[in-house]
Protein backbone atom coordinates (compact mmCIF):
# COMPACT_ATOMS: atom_id res chain seq x y z
CA UNK A 1 -3.77 7.79 -14.82
CA UNK A 2 -1.75 8.98 -11.82
CA UNK A 3 -4.88 9.93 -9.89
CA UNK A 4 -6.62 6.63 -10.66
CA UNK A 5 -3.81 4.79 -8.91
CA UNK A 6 -4.70 6.76 -5.77
CA UNK A 7 -8.42 6.04 -5.79
CA UNK A 8 -8.81 2.92 -3.63
CA UNK A 9 -12.08 1.01 -3.70
CA UNK A 10 -12.29 0.60 0.08
CA UNK A 11 -14.90 1.47 2.68
CA UNK A 12 -14.45 4.91 4.12
CA UNK A 13 -14.02 3.54 7.59
CA UNK A 14 -11.21 1.30 6.40
CA UNK A 15 -9.49 4.22 4.70
CA UNK A 16 -10.03 6.86 7.32
CA UNK A 17 -9.16 4.77 10.31
CA UNK A 18 -5.58 5.09 9.10
CA UNK A 19 -5.90 8.75 10.00
CA UNK A 20 -6.77 7.99 13.58
CA UNK A 21 -4.81 4.70 13.93
CA UNK A 22 -5.91 1.30 15.09
CA UNK A 23 -2.73 -0.11 16.49
CA UNK A 24 -3.13 -0.12 20.30
CA UNK A 25 -5.40 -1.76 22.82
CA UNK A 26 -6.44 0.04 25.98
CA UNK A 27 -8.11 -1.35 29.05
CA UNK A 28 -9.96 0.45 31.77
CA UNK A 29 -8.85 -2.29 34.17
CA UNK A 30 -5.22 -1.22 34.43
CA UNK A 31 -2.95 -2.33 37.23
CA UNK A 32 -2.67 0.29 39.98
CA UNK A 33 0.97 1.04 39.14
CA UNK A 34 1.41 2.06 35.51
CA UNK A 35 3.45 4.73 33.80
CA UNK A 36 0.86 7.12 32.41
CA UNK A 37 1.40 9.37 29.45
CA UNK A 38 -2.14 10.71 29.15
CA UNK A 39 -5.66 10.35 30.48
CA UNK A 40 -8.63 10.71 28.15
CA UNK A 41 -11.80 11.20 30.18
CA UNK A 42 -10.13 9.13 32.87
CA UNK A 43 -8.93 6.32 30.56
CA UNK A 44 -5.19 5.81 30.76
CA UNK A 45 -2.80 5.78 27.82
CA UNK A 46 0.26 4.02 29.16
CA UNK A 47 3.88 4.24 28.15
CA UNK A 48 3.76 0.52 27.32
CA UNK A 49 0.93 1.08 24.83
CA UNK A 50 2.66 4.16 23.45
CA UNK A 51 6.01 2.38 23.00
CA UNK A 52 4.32 -0.45 21.15
CA UNK A 53 2.56 1.91 18.76
CA UNK A 54 5.71 3.99 18.27
CA UNK A 55 7.65 0.82 17.44
CA UNK A 56 5.06 -0.12 14.81
CA UNK A 57 5.23 3.33 13.21
CA UNK A 58 9.03 3.37 13.17
CA UNK A 59 9.22 -0.12 11.67
CA UNK A 60 6.76 0.88 8.94
CA UNK A 61 8.84 3.95 8.07
CA UNK A 62 12.10 2.00 8.04
CA UNK A 63 10.57 -0.61 5.71
CA UNK A 64 9.77 2.24 3.34
CA UNK A 65 13.39 3.35 3.44
CA UNK A 66 12.69 6.53 5.42
CA UNK A 67 15.33 7.90 7.76
CA UNK A 68 14.32 8.91 11.28
CA UNK A 69 16.40 11.81 12.57
CA UNK A 70 16.21 12.99 16.18
CA UNK A 71 14.16 16.03 15.16
CA UNK A 72 11.78 13.88 13.14
CA UNK A 73 11.46 11.35 15.96
CA UNK A 74 10.28 14.08 18.34
CA UNK A 75 7.53 15.01 15.86
CA UNK A 76 6.61 11.35 15.35
CA UNK A 77 6.26 10.85 19.11
CA UNK A 78 3.95 13.83 19.40
CA UNK A 79 1.87 12.64 16.45
CA UNK A 80 1.61 9.10 17.83
CA UNK A 81 0.36 10.29 21.22
CA UNK A 82 -2.17 12.68 19.70
CA UNK A 83 -3.36 9.94 17.34
CA UNK A 84 -3.83 7.61 20.30
CA UNK A 85 -5.86 10.30 22.07
CA UNK A 86 -8.02 10.75 18.95
CA UNK A 87 -8.57 7.01 18.71
CA UNK A 88 -9.59 6.76 22.35
CA UNK A 89 -12.05 9.64 21.93
CA UNK A 90 -13.62 7.94 18.90
CA UNK A 91 -13.77 4.63 20.72
CA UNK A 92 -15.46 6.20 23.74
CA UNK A 93 -17.97 7.92 21.45
CA UNK A 94 -18.74 4.63 19.71
CA UNK A 95 -19.50 3.10 23.11
CA UNK A 96 -21.82 5.97 24.00
CA UNK A 97 -23.74 5.35 20.79
CA UNK A 98 -23.96 1.62 21.50
CA UNK A 99 -22.00 0.56 18.43
CA UNK A 100 -21.02 -3.09 18.51
CA UNK A 101 -19.39 -5.54 16.15
CA UNK A 102 -20.32 -9.14 15.50
CA UNK A 103 -17.79 -11.68 16.84
CA UNK A 104 -17.82 -13.33 13.41
CA UNK A 105 -16.36 -10.18 11.86
CA UNK A 106 -13.50 -10.14 14.35
CA UNK A 107 -12.83 -13.85 13.81
CA UNK A 108 -12.85 -13.37 10.03
CA UNK A 109 -10.30 -10.55 10.24
CA UNK A 110 -8.07 -12.54 12.56
CA UNK A 111 -8.26 -15.51 10.19
CA UNK A 112 -7.36 -13.28 7.24
CA UNK A 113 -4.33 -11.93 9.12
CA UNK A 114 -3.16 -15.42 10.02
CA UNK A 115 -3.42 -16.49 6.39
CA UNK A 116 -0.63 -14.05 5.60
CA UNK A 117 1.83 -16.24 7.51
CA UNK A 118 3.33 -19.53 6.46
CA UNK A 119 2.78 -21.09 9.88
CA UNK A 120 0.97 -20.33 13.12
CA UNK A 121 4.38 -20.10 14.79
CA UNK A 122 5.39 -17.30 12.39
CA UNK A 123 2.20 -15.44 13.24
CA UNK A 124 2.77 -15.75 16.98
CA UNK A 125 6.39 -14.70 16.62
CA UNK A 126 5.48 -11.50 14.81
CA UNK A 127 2.77 -10.40 17.24
CA UNK A 128 5.12 -11.19 20.13
CA UNK A 129 7.77 -8.98 18.51
CA UNK A 130 5.14 -6.26 18.28
CA UNK A 131 4.49 -6.55 22.01
CA UNK A 132 1.00 -7.99 21.50
CA UNK A 133 -0.84 -11.06 22.62
CA UNK A 134 -3.46 -12.66 20.39
CA UNK A 135 -6.16 -11.41 22.78
CA UNK A 136 -4.84 -7.86 22.48
CA UNK A 137 -4.78 -8.18 18.70
CA UNK A 138 -8.44 -9.24 18.78
CA UNK A 139 -9.17 -6.21 20.94
CA UNK A 140 -7.42 -4.00 18.39
CA UNK A 141 -9.52 -5.50 15.61
CA UNK A 142 -12.74 -4.92 17.55
CA UNK A 143 -11.78 -1.32 18.28
CA UNK A 144 -11.03 -0.77 14.61
CA UNK A 145 -14.42 -2.13 13.58
CA UNK A 146 -16.45 -0.02 16.00
CA UNK A 147 -14.50 3.14 15.14
CA UNK A 148 -14.96 2.40 11.43
CA UNK A 149 -18.69 2.03 11.96
CA UNK A 150 -18.84 5.27 13.93
CA UNK A 151 -17.11 7.11 11.09
CA UNK A 152 -19.31 5.46 8.45
CA UNK A 153 -22.56 6.18 10.31
CA UNK A 154 -21.86 9.62 11.72
CA UNK A 155 -19.74 11.18 8.96
CA UNK A 156 -19.34 9.29 5.67
CA UNK A 157 -23.06 8.51 5.37
CA UNK A 158 -23.84 12.25 5.44
CA UNK A 159 -21.30 13.24 2.77
CA UNK A 160 -22.77 13.58 -0.72
CA UNK A 161 -20.74 14.54 -3.78
CA UNK A 162 -22.89 16.06 -6.56
CA UNK A 163 -22.32 14.85 -10.13
CA UNK A 164 -21.38 18.38 -11.18
CA UNK A 165 -18.56 18.46 -8.64
CA UNK A 166 -17.25 15.16 -10.00
CA UNK A 167 -17.41 16.46 -13.59
CA UNK A 168 -15.69 19.70 -12.63
CA UNK A 169 -12.87 17.76 -11.02
CA UNK A 170 -12.47 15.64 -14.16
CA UNK A 171 -12.43 18.71 -16.43
CA UNK A 172 -9.93 20.63 -14.29
CA UNK A 173 -7.44 17.76 -13.82
CA UNK A 174 -6.86 16.49 -17.39
CA UNK A 175 -3.32 15.28 -16.69
CA UNK A 176 -4.56 13.01 -13.93
CA UNK A 177 -6.53 10.90 -16.40
CA UNK A 178 -3.95 10.39 -19.10
CA UNK A 179 -2.94 6.84 -19.97
CA UNK A 180 0.69 6.88 -21.11
CA UNK A 181 1.91 5.13 -24.23
CA UNK A 182 2.14 1.38 -23.74
CA UNK A 183 3.76 -1.46 -25.61
CA UNK A 184 3.02 -5.17 -25.52
CA UNK A 185 6.12 -7.26 -26.00
CA UNK A 186 7.41 -10.80 -25.79
CA UNK A 187 11.00 -11.79 -25.21
CA UNK A 188 13.43 -14.66 -25.16
CA UNK A 189 15.90 -14.42 -22.29
CA UNK A 190 19.20 -16.21 -21.82
CA UNK A 191 20.31 -15.47 -18.26
CA UNK A 192 23.80 -14.37 -17.30
CA UNK A 193 25.37 -14.08 -13.88
CA UNK A 194 26.51 -10.49 -13.45
CA UNK A 195 29.90 -11.79 -12.26
CA UNK A 196 30.32 -14.22 -15.13
CA UNK A 197 33.64 -14.39 -16.98
CA UNK A 198 33.74 -12.84 -20.49
CA UNK A 199 34.10 -16.31 -22.01
CA UNK A 200 30.87 -17.43 -20.33
CA UNK A 201 29.07 -14.32 -21.52
CA UNK A 202 30.27 -14.95 -25.06
CA UNK A 203 28.99 -18.51 -24.84
CA UNK A 204 25.56 -17.38 -23.64
CA UNK A 205 25.36 -14.75 -26.34
CA UNK A 206 26.20 -17.37 -28.94
CA UNK A 207 23.25 -19.45 -27.71
CA UNK A 208 20.90 -16.55 -28.35
CA UNK A 209 22.48 -15.84 -31.73
CA UNK A 210 21.54 -19.37 -32.81
CA UNK A 211 17.94 -18.71 -31.76
CA UNK A 212 18.06 -15.38 -33.55
CA UNK A 213 19.14 -17.15 -36.74
CA UNK A 214 16.18 -19.55 -36.47
CA UNK A 215 13.80 -16.59 -36.05
CA UNK A 216 15.19 -14.98 -39.17
CA UNK A 217 14.63 -18.28 -40.90
CA UNK A 218 10.91 -17.95 -40.22
CA UNK A 219 10.39 -19.99 -37.03
CA UNK A 220 7.70 -18.87 -34.59
CA UNK A 221 8.85 -16.54 -31.80
CA UNK A 222 6.40 -17.92 -29.20
CA UNK A 223 7.41 -21.51 -29.90
CA UNK A 224 11.11 -20.71 -29.51
CA UNK A 225 10.42 -18.68 -26.35
CA UNK A 226 8.63 -21.66 -24.77
CA UNK A 227 11.57 -23.89 -25.61
CA UNK A 228 14.56 -21.69 -24.82
CA UNK A 229 13.65 -18.60 -22.77
CA UNK A 230 14.81 -18.67 -19.14
CA UNK A 231 12.17 -16.18 -18.00
CA UNK A 232 8.97 -17.40 -16.27
CA UNK A 233 7.08 -15.76 -19.14
CA UNK A 234 8.26 -18.67 -21.32
CA UNK A 235 5.06 -20.60 -20.54
CA UNK A 236 3.17 -17.81 -22.31
CA UNK A 237 5.49 -17.76 -25.28
CA UNK A 238 7.51 -14.95 -23.74
CA UNK A 239 4.51 -12.60 -23.51
CA UNK A 240 5.07 -9.81 -20.95
CA UNK A 241 1.75 -8.07 -21.55
CA UNK A 242 1.40 -4.30 -21.84
CA UNK A 243 3.78 -1.99 -19.99
CA UNK A 244 4.60 1.70 -19.95
CA UNK A 245 7.87 3.53 -19.59
CA UNK A 246 9.51 3.06 -16.23
CA UNK A 247 8.26 -0.50 -15.75
CA UNK A 248 11.22 -2.29 -17.29
CA UNK A 249 15.00 -1.89 -17.06
CA UNK A 250 16.05 0.94 -19.34
CA UNK A 251 17.94 -0.97 -22.09
CA UNK A 252 14.96 -3.31 -22.48
CA UNK A 253 12.46 -0.45 -22.41
CA UNK A 254 14.39 1.66 -24.93
CA UNK A 255 14.60 -1.23 -27.35
CA UNK A 256 10.92 -2.19 -26.99
CA UNK A 257 9.57 1.32 -27.53
CA UNK A 258 11.85 1.84 -30.54
CA UNK A 259 10.48 -1.21 -32.39
CA UNK A 260 7.51 -1.24 -34.73
CA UNK A 261 4.68 -3.73 -34.26
CA UNK A 262 5.84 -7.16 -35.40
CA UNK A 263 9.55 -6.29 -35.35
CA UNK A 264 12.15 -8.27 -33.41
CA UNK A 265 15.11 -6.51 -31.82
CA UNK A 266 18.76 -7.32 -32.15
CA UNK A 267 20.28 -8.85 -29.00
CA UNK A 268 19.76 -6.55 -26.00
CA UNK A 269 21.89 -6.86 -22.87
CA UNK A 270 20.49 -6.04 -19.41
CA UNK A 271 21.51 -7.01 -15.88
CA UNK A 272 19.32 -10.10 -16.31
CA UNK A 273 21.11 -11.38 -19.39
CA UNK A 274 20.61 -11.31 -23.16
CA UNK A 275 17.19 -10.71 -24.73
CA UNK A 276 15.47 -10.88 -28.08
CA UNK A 277 12.38 -8.67 -27.96
CA UNK A 278 9.34 -8.78 -30.20
CA UNK A 279 6.72 -6.01 -30.09
CA UNK A 280 3.23 -7.44 -30.45
CA UNK A 281 1.14 -4.27 -30.08
CA UNK A 282 1.30 -0.62 -29.10
CA UNK A 283 -1.19 1.74 -27.48
CA UNK A 284 -0.68 5.49 -27.93
CA UNK A 285 -1.16 7.93 -25.06
CA UNK A 286 -4.84 8.49 -24.39
CA UNK A 287 -7.26 10.04 -21.93
CA UNK A 288 -9.62 7.88 -19.89
CA UNK A 289 -13.27 8.75 -20.56
CA UNK A 290 -15.32 10.48 -17.88
CA UNK A 291 -17.83 7.66 -17.52
CA UNK A 292 -15.00 5.18 -16.92
CA UNK A 293 -13.65 7.12 -13.94
CA UNK A 294 -16.74 8.87 -12.63
CA UNK A 295 -17.31 6.43 -9.75
CA UNK A 296 -13.67 6.43 -8.70
CA UNK A 297 -13.53 10.23 -8.71
CA UNK A 298 -16.68 10.31 -6.61
CA UNK A 299 -15.11 7.96 -4.07
CA UNK A 300 -11.91 9.99 -4.03
CA UNK A 301 -13.75 13.25 -3.43
CA UNK A 302 -15.95 11.67 -0.77
CA UNK A 303 -12.90 10.32 1.03
CA UNK A 304 -11.30 13.78 0.94
CA UNK A 305 -14.41 15.50 2.26
CA UNK A 306 -15.06 12.82 4.86
CA UNK A 307 -11.49 13.27 6.10
CA UNK A 308 -12.10 16.98 6.63
CA UNK A 309 -15.40 16.28 8.39
CA UNK A 310 -13.68 13.69 10.58
CA UNK A 311 -11.14 16.26 11.72
CA UNK A 312 -13.94 18.60 12.72
CA UNK A 313 -15.75 15.75 14.48
CA UNK A 314 -12.64 14.92 16.52
CA UNK A 315 -12.11 18.59 17.34
CA UNK A 316 -15.61 18.72 18.86
CA UNK A 317 -14.94 15.57 20.89
CA UNK A 318 -11.74 17.15 22.17
CA UNK A 319 -13.58 20.32 23.21
CA UNK A 320 -15.89 18.26 25.45
CA UNK A 321 -13.22 15.91 26.73
CA UNK A 322 -10.93 16.05 29.74
CA UNK A 323 -7.47 15.30 28.39
CA UNK A 324 -4.45 15.25 30.68
CA UNK A 325 -0.92 14.75 29.36
CA UNK A 326 1.61 13.48 31.88
CA UNK A 327 5.37 13.86 31.54
CA UNK A 328 7.23 11.21 33.54
CA UNK A 329 10.81 11.26 34.71
CA UNK A 330 11.72 8.51 32.22
CA UNK A 331 9.89 9.88 29.22
CA UNK A 332 9.75 13.01 27.16
CA UNK A 333 8.22 13.61 23.75
CA UNK A 334 11.18 15.81 22.94
CA UNK A 335 13.67 12.96 23.30
């Protein structure tokens, strides 16, 4: 099922706009004195706008644990500027075609963004740290909507994926549609601090041994889990649902997959503490049927083809455009 995890059910505009970026707001009413990095048909891309977008990209990469070497930073800077040029070209084209967005859609998006913060102050703090005002954020949202609509109307709407192409993809990528073996298990957890003294660990293990003895005496696992387990799953009788390999810590996973349905493990130690594990059900490895994934494959292929068409569309806009890149004394893409 590796491919299925990469088949998002989003609008093509929402997906593809990531390729051209939505993060900066431009204005044709710039102050007379600005540090220019590029002009796109006379519209200025300033160093202030560029720095803000570059900061956003770098922060995103750092959150993902990616390192940014000097050589990589030079490439990132080039990519950011070219992406900003592409975005401006698409925005200008959307204006030429009279594409507009309803104010309600912008307000709804802004409201959705604000909902992601505990307080309005937290929201304002974050946009301030990003070098944005709320008005500029609204402008970004509007630009994103009109560019999305341009892509949807001019490109995605014209892309058709025949059923045979979808079926061929399914037949030629069998490994992409495999569902790995899964197990459904419940557990009873007695937590242990990783720095606990041996005597404390022994005491905690003894607690679980008493529960283990009651299980062997015929008492219900779910009832005991609700009473004694220190995992949030206790409210469901310890039920963890189905999981595949790689989803749990290894000692727990090894024990669970080694058990037969209905069996309860001996005491298993993990970094969380001591566990008793009961396997409730197992699902062998299987292949997802074509009809179950047909629509997702179609969307995946359409997104891929639309992305290629978008690149060609931007190339044509660039051929007709007047693009000037300006190197200032205080800025260089190579630094």
